[in-house]
Amino acid sequence: MINNLYNLKKGFSLTEILVATIVMSMIMGSVLAFVQYAGNIWQKGNEKISSQNYSRMAFELIKQDLLEATEVTSPKVGNITKRIIYKKADVKYRILASQSVLIRTSPKSGTYDNTANTMRLARNVGKFYVNRISSRTFEISLQINGQEYENDNGDLASDTVSSESMIIIAPGIQ
C-alpha cells in the first residue's frame, strides 16, 4: 500500500524539466525578438513624423517671413544658394543651414556675429537650397535626415527621412 502511494506522487523527471525549459526559452527568445523589432519600427516611424513636422514648421516660418518681407538681397534672380537674406520690418534676417541645423539669425548690432539672435528651425538638415525664380518667386528645398548610424564599411551614414520643396510667391517684395 505504501508502495502504491509513492508511485502516485511521482513528479517530473529531469529530462522533462530540461525539455520544458528549452522550449520556454525558445518561445521567450522569439517574443523578445518580436518586441525589439516592433520597437525599432515604432522609433523609425516617430523619427519620420517628427522630421516631417520640423520640415513643415520651418517651411511655414520661412513662408510667413517672406510674405512679410519688404526686400530680399540673396539669392539674386536666377541663382541657387544655400541661404536667404531678407529684410522684414526694418530688420535684416538670414536663414541658412549650419552644421546640419537650419537657423534664422538677425543681428543685434548690425553684423552676424556671436551676439546675433538665433532661432533653430530644423535639425538633421541634409540639404537646404533656395532658387530665386523671379523677383517675387522662390523655390525652397529642404531635406531632413534621420539619426546617423555606422554602415557596413564602418562609415557614418544617415537615411533621408523627409524631403520637401515648395514655391512661394511673395507679393510685398519689390
C-alpha atoms as a PDB file:
ATOM      1  CA  MET A   1       0.000   0.000   0.000  1.00  0.00           C
ATOM      2  CA  ILE A   2       2.791   2.446   0.824  1.00  0.00           C
ATOM      3  CA  ASN A   3       4.425   1.490  -2.458  1.00  0.00           C
ATOM      4  CA  ASN A   4       1.267   2.446  -4.395  1.00  0.00           C
ATOM      5  CA  LEU A   5       1.053   5.878  -2.686  1.00  0.00           C
ATOM      6  CA  TYR A   6       4.697   6.555  -3.522  1.00  0.00           C
ATOM      7  CA  ASN A   7       4.101   5.780  -7.208  1.00  0.00           C
ATOM      8  CA  LEU A   8       1.120   8.212  -7.318  1.00  0.00           C
ATOM      9  CA  LYS A   9       3.237  11.147  -6.030  1.00  0.00           C
ATOM     10  CA  LYS A  10       5.936  10.734  -8.608  1.00  0.00           C
ATOM     11  CA  GLY A  11       6.980  14.151 -10.157  1.00  0.00           C
ATOM     12  CA  PHE A  12       8.567  15.213 -13.427  1.00  0.00           C
ATOM     13  CA  SER A  13      11.834  13.707 -14.492  1.00  0.00           C
ATOM     14  CA  LEU A  14      14.945  15.803 -15.046  1.00  0.00           C
ATOM     15  CA  THR A  15      14.685  15.232 -18.804  1.00  0.00           C
ATOM     16  CA  GLU A  16      11.106  16.579 -18.906  1.00  0.00           C
ATOM     17  CA  ILE A  17      12.099  19.676 -16.942  1.00  0.00           C
ATOM     18  CA  LEU A  18      15.081  20.354 -19.251  1.00  0.00           C
ATOM     19  CA  VAL A  19      12.930  19.962 -22.392  1.00  0.00           C
ATOM     20  CA  ALA A  20      10.253  22.304 -20.964  1.00  0.00           C
ATOM     21  CA  THR A  21      12.933  24.883 -20.027  1.00  0.00           C
ATOM     22  CA  ILE A  22      14.475  24.781 -23.526  1.00  0.00           C
ATOM     23  CA  VAL A  23      11.075  25.124 -25.232  1.00  0.00           C
ATOM     24  CA  MET A  24      10.116  28.012 -22.917  1.00  0.00           C
ATOM     25  CA  SER A  25      13.464  29.747 -23.583  1.00  0.00           C
ATOM     26  CA  MET A  26      12.914  29.462 -27.341  1.00  0.00           C
ATOM     27  CA  ILE A  27       9.428  30.955 -27.032  1.00  0.00           C
ATOM     28  CA  MET A  28      10.691  33.805 -24.827  1.00  0.00           C
ATOM     29  CA  GLY A  29      13.538  34.500 -27.275  1.00  0.00           C
ATOM     30  CA  SER A  30      11.064  34.754 -30.148  1.00  0.00           C
ATOM     31  CA  VAL A  31       8.805  37.093 -28.184  1.00  0.00           C
ATOM     32  CA  LEU A  32      11.771  39.270 -27.199  1.00  0.00           C
ATOM     33  CA  ALA A  33      12.976  39.495 -30.820  1.00  0.00           C
ATOM     34  CA  PHE A  34       9.480  40.485 -31.961  1.00  0.00           C
ATOM     35  CA  VAL A  35       9.179  43.174 -29.272  1.00  0.00           C
ATOM     36  CA  GLN A  36      12.608  44.566 -30.220  1.00  0.00           C
ATOM     37  CA  TYR A  37      11.663  44.612 -33.920  1.00  0.00           C
ATOM     38  CA  ALA A  38       8.362  46.364 -33.160  1.00  0.00           C
ATOM     39  CA  GLY A  39      10.221  48.937 -31.037  1.00  0.00           C
ATOM     40  CA  ASN A  40      12.616  49.705 -33.908  1.00  0.00           C
ATOM     41  CA  ILE A  41       9.703  50.152 -36.321  1.00  0.00           C
ATOM     42  CA  TRP A  42       7.960  52.440 -33.819  1.00  0.00           C
ATOM     43  CA  GLN A  43      11.110  54.542 -33.345  1.00  0.00           C
ATOM     44  CA  LYS A  44      11.640  54.962 -37.108  1.00  0.00           C
ATOM     45  CA  GLY A  45       8.009  55.987 -37.543  1.00  0.00           C
ATOM     46  CA  ASN A  46       8.243  58.573 -34.776  1.00  0.00           C
ATOM     47  CA  GLU A  47      11.506  59.873 -36.252  1.00  0.00           C
ATOM     48  CA  LYS A  48       9.885  60.300 -39.655  1.00  0.00           C
ATOM     49  CA  ILE A  49       6.849  62.065 -38.205  1.00  0.00           C
ATOM     50  CA  SER A  50       8.977  64.455 -36.145  1.00  0.00           C
ATOM     51  CA  SER A  51      11.213  65.189 -39.158  1.00  0.00           C
ATOM     52  CA  GLN A  52       8.190  65.975 -41.302  1.00  0.00           C
ATOM     53  CA  ASN A  53       6.848  68.241 -38.549  1.00  0.00           C
ATOM     54  CA  TYR A  54      10.200  70.074 -38.347  1.00  0.00           C
ATOM     55  CA  SER A  55      10.168  70.475 -42.113  1.00  0.00           C
ATOM     56  CA  ARG A  56       6.579  71.738 -42.154  1.00  0.00           C
ATOM     57  CA  MET A  57       7.199  74.214 -39.328  1.00  0.00           C
ATOM     58  CA  ALA A  58      10.375  75.516 -40.989  1.00  0.00           C
ATOM     59  CA  PHE A  59       8.536  75.970 -44.286  1.00  0.00           C
ATOM     60  CA  GLU A  60       5.681  77.795 -42.565  1.00  0.00           C
ATOM     61  CA  LEU A  61       8.037  80.199 -40.790  1.00  0.00           C
ATOM     62  CA  ILE A  62      10.020  80.875 -43.979  1.00  0.00           C
ATOM     63  CA  LYS A  63       6.795  81.386 -45.927  1.00  0.00           C
ATOM     64  CA  GLN A  64       5.428  83.752 -43.285  1.00  0.00           C
ATOM     65  CA  ASP A  65       8.655  85.750 -43.203  1.00  0.00           C
ATOM     66  CA  LEU A  66       8.922  86.017 -46.994  1.00  0.00           C
ATOM     67  CA  LEU A  67       5.288  87.088 -47.286  1.00  0.00           C
ATOM     68  CA  GLU A  68       6.021  89.919 -44.831  1.00  0.00           C
ATOM     69  CA  ALA A  69       9.461  90.756 -46.290  1.00  0.00           C
ATOM     70  CA  THR A  70       9.994  94.085 -47.997  1.00  0.00           C
ATOM     71  CA  GLU A  71      13.320  93.190 -49.614  1.00  0.00           C
ATOM     72  CA  VAL A  72      15.305  90.031 -50.400  1.00  0.00           C
ATOM     73  CA  THR A  73      19.012  90.606 -51.063  1.00  0.00           C
ATOM     74  CA  SER A  74      20.078  86.985 -51.504  1.00  0.00           C
ATOM     75  CA  PRO A  75      19.664  84.987 -53.647  1.00  0.00           C
ATOM     76  CA  LYS A  76      19.583  87.089 -56.803  1.00  0.00           C
ATOM     77  CA  VAL A  77      17.146  86.210 -59.590  1.00  0.00           C
ATOM     78  CA  GLY A  78      18.271  83.048 -61.402  1.00  0.00           C
ATOM     79  CA  ASN A  79      20.677  81.976 -58.622  1.00  0.00           C
ATOM     80  CA  ILE A  80      20.509  78.922 -56.379  1.00  0.00           C
ATOM     81  CA  THR A  81      22.031  79.403 -52.916  1.00  0.00           C
ATOM     82  CA  LYS A  82      22.042  77.767 -49.510  1.00  0.00           C
ATOM     83  CA  ARG A  83      20.736  80.839 -47.699  1.00  0.00           C
ATOM     84  CA  ILE A  84      18.120  83.588 -47.781  1.00  0.00           C
ATOM     85  CA  ILE A  85      18.856  87.147 -46.675  1.00  0.00           C
ATOM     86  CA  TYR A  86      15.828  89.395 -46.402  1.00  0.00           C
ATOM     87  CA  LYS A  87      14.501  92.481 -44.660  1.00  0.00           C
ATOM     88  CA  LYS A  88      11.295  92.488 -42.650  1.00  0.00           C
ATOM     89  CA  ALA A  89      10.082  95.452 -40.569  1.00  0.00           C
ATOM     90  CA  ASP A  90      13.470  97.176 -40.989  1.00  0.00           C
ATOM     91  CA  VAL A  91      15.308  94.166 -39.517  1.00  0.00           C
ATOM     92  CA  LYS A  92      17.617  92.066 -41.670  1.00  0.00           C
ATOM     93  CA  TYR A  93      17.284  88.281 -41.334  1.00  0.00           C
ATOM     94  CA  ARG A  94      19.332  85.380 -42.634  1.00  0.00           C
ATOM     95  CA  ILE A  95      18.222  81.750 -42.939  1.00  0.00           C
ATOM     96  CA  LEU A  96      20.860  79.092 -43.628  1.00  0.00           C
ATOM     97  CA  ALA A  97      21.869  75.534 -42.822  1.00  0.00           C
ATOM     98  CA  SER A  98      24.849  75.441 -40.472  1.00  0.00           C
ATOM     99  CA  GLN A  99      26.297  72.168 -39.146  1.00  0.00           C
ATOM    100  CA  SER A 100      23.125  70.222 -40.103  1.00  0.00           C
ATOM    101  CA  VAL A 101      20.847  72.751 -38.348  1.00  0.00           C
ATOM    102  CA  LEU A 102      18.587  75.204 -40.182  1.00  0.00           C
ATOM    103  CA  ILE A 103      18.793  78.531 -38.344  1.00  0.00           C
ATOM    104  CA  ARG A 104      17.364  82.023 -38.674  1.00  0.00           C
ATOM    105  CA  THR A 105      19.540  84.830 -37.385  1.00  0.00           C
ATOM    106  CA  SER A 106      19.065  88.557 -37.024  1.00  0.00           C
ATOM    107  CA  PRO A 107      21.935  90.808 -35.959  1.00  0.00           C
ATOM    108  CA  LYS A 108      21.850  92.683 -32.675  1.00  0.00           C
ATOM    109  CA  SER A 109      24.467  95.228 -33.649  1.00  0.00           C
ATOM    110  CA  GLY A 110      24.253  95.261 -37.451  1.00  0.00           C
ATOM    111  CA  THR A 111      26.529  92.238 -38.057  1.00  0.00           C
ATOM    112  CA  TYR A 112      26.008  88.484 -37.842  1.00  0.00           C
ATOM    113  CA  ASP A 113      28.414  87.537 -35.075  1.00  0.00           C
ATOM    114  CA  ASN A 114      28.167  85.758 -31.731  1.00  0.00           C
ATOM    115  CA  THR A 115      25.682  88.346 -30.488  1.00  0.00           C
ATOM    116  CA  ALA A 116      23.105  87.598 -33.217  1.00  0.00           C
ATOM    117  CA  ASN A 117      19.600  86.491 -32.274  1.00  0.00           C
ATOM    118  CA  THR A 118      19.406  82.880 -33.432  1.00  0.00           C
ATOM    119  CA  MET A 119      16.388  80.598 -33.801  1.00  0.00           C
ATOM    120  CA  ARG A 120      16.688  76.901 -34.689  1.00  0.00           C
ATOM    121  CA  LEU A 121      14.138  75.987 -37.361  1.00  0.00           C
ATOM    122  CA  ALA A 122      15.088  72.341 -38.048  1.00  0.00           C
ATOM    123  CA  ARG A 123      17.749  69.806 -37.100  1.00  0.00           C
ATOM    124  CA  ASN A 124      19.414  66.957 -39.023  1.00  0.00           C
ATOM    125  CA  VAL A 125      19.298  69.056 -42.196  1.00  0.00           C
ATOM    126  CA  GLY A 126      20.869  67.246 -45.136  1.00  0.00           C
ATOM    127  CA  LYS A 127      20.254  69.868 -47.813  1.00  0.00           C
ATOM    128  CA  PHE A 128      18.759  73.358 -47.967  1.00  0.00           C
ATOM    129  CA  TYR A 129      18.533  75.185 -51.294  1.00  0.00           C
ATOM    130  CA  VAL A 130      16.837  78.386 -52.357  1.00  0.00           C
ATOM    131  CA  ASN A 131      16.222  79.090 -56.035  1.00  0.00           C
ATOM    132  CA  ARG A 132      15.004  82.600 -56.856  1.00  0.00           C
ATOM    133  CA  ILE A 133      12.911  82.072 -59.968  1.00  0.00           C
ATOM    134  CA  SER A 134      11.791  85.692 -60.352  1.00  0.00           C
ATOM    135  CA  SER A 135      11.852  88.837 -58.267  1.00  0.00           C
ATOM    136  CA  ARG A 136       8.914  87.580 -56.157  1.00  0.00           C
ATOM    137  CA  THR A 137       9.010  83.795 -56.644  1.00  0.00           C
ATOM    138  CA  PHE A 138      11.200  81.382 -54.684  1.00  0.00           C
ATOM    139  CA  GLU A 139      11.606  77.617 -54.757  1.00  0.00           C
ATOM    140  CA  ILE A 140      12.834  76.275 -51.419  1.00  0.00           C
ATOM    141  CA  SER A 141      14.037  72.677 -50.942  1.00  0.00           C
ATOM    142  CA  LEU A 142      14.703  71.101 -47.563  1.00  0.00           C
ATOM    143  CA  GLN A 143      15.928  67.572 -46.816  1.00  0.00           C
ATOM    144  CA  ILE A 144      15.920  66.199 -43.275  1.00  0.00           C
ATOM    145  CA  ASN A 145      18.000  63.129 -42.431  1.00  0.00           C
ATOM    146  CA  GLY A 146      17.489  60.505 -39.751  1.00  0.00           C
ATOM    147  CA  GLN A 147      19.893  59.668 -36.975  1.00  0.00           C
ATOM    148  CA  GLU A 148      23.404  58.724 -38.035  1.00  0.00           C
ATOM    149  CA  TYR A 149      24.437  55.080 -37.961  1.00  0.00           C
ATOM    150  CA  GLU A 150      27.503  53.086 -38.907  1.00  0.00           C
ATOM    151  CA  ASN A 151      27.131  51.383 -42.295  1.00  0.00           C
ATOM    152  CA  ASP A 152      28.768  48.137 -43.467  1.00  0.00           C
ATOM    153  CA  ASN A 153      32.000  49.964 -44.414  1.00  0.00           C
ATOM    154  CA  GLY A 154      32.320  51.474 -40.942  1.00  0.00           C
ATOM    155  CA  ASP A 155      31.438  54.979 -42.179  1.00  0.00           C
ATOM    156  CA  LEU A 156      28.790  57.188 -40.630  1.00  0.00           C
ATOM    157  CA  ALA A 157      25.641  57.431 -42.750  1.00  0.00           C
ATOM    158  CA  SER A 158      22.049  58.566 -42.393  1.00  0.00           C
ATOM    159  CA  ASP A 159      18.877  57.996 -44.374  1.00  0.00           C
ATOM    160  CA  THR A 160      16.695  60.764 -45.784  1.00  0.00           C
ATOM    161  CA  VAL A 161      13.506  60.830 -43.748  1.00  0.00           C
ATOM    162  CA  SER A 162      11.818  63.904 -45.197  1.00  0.00           C
ATOM    163  CA  SER A 163      12.447  65.788 -48.416  1.00  0.00           C
ATOM    164  CA  GLU A 164      10.147  68.599 -49.472  1.00  0.00           C
ATOM    165  CA  SER A 165      10.093  71.545 -51.837  1.00  0.00           C
ATOM    166  CA  MET A 166       7.737  74.481 -52.091  1.00  0.00           C
ATOM    167  CA  ILE A 167       7.274  77.533 -54.256  1.00  0.00           C
ATOM    168  CA  ILE A 168       6.490  80.837 -52.568  1.00  0.00           C
ATOM    169  CA  ILE A 169       5.225  83.960 -54.262  1.00  0.00           C
ATOM    170  CA  ALA A 170       5.967  86.921 -52.002  1.00  0.00           C
ATOM    171  CA  PRO A 171       3.859  89.923 -53.070  1.00  0.00           C
ATOM    172  CA  GLY A 172       5.488  92.507 -50.779  1.00  0.00           C
ATOM    173  CA  ILE A 173       8.962  92.231 -52.303  1.00  0.00           C
ATOM    174  CA  GLN A 174       9.989  94.915 -54.770  1.00  0.00           C
END
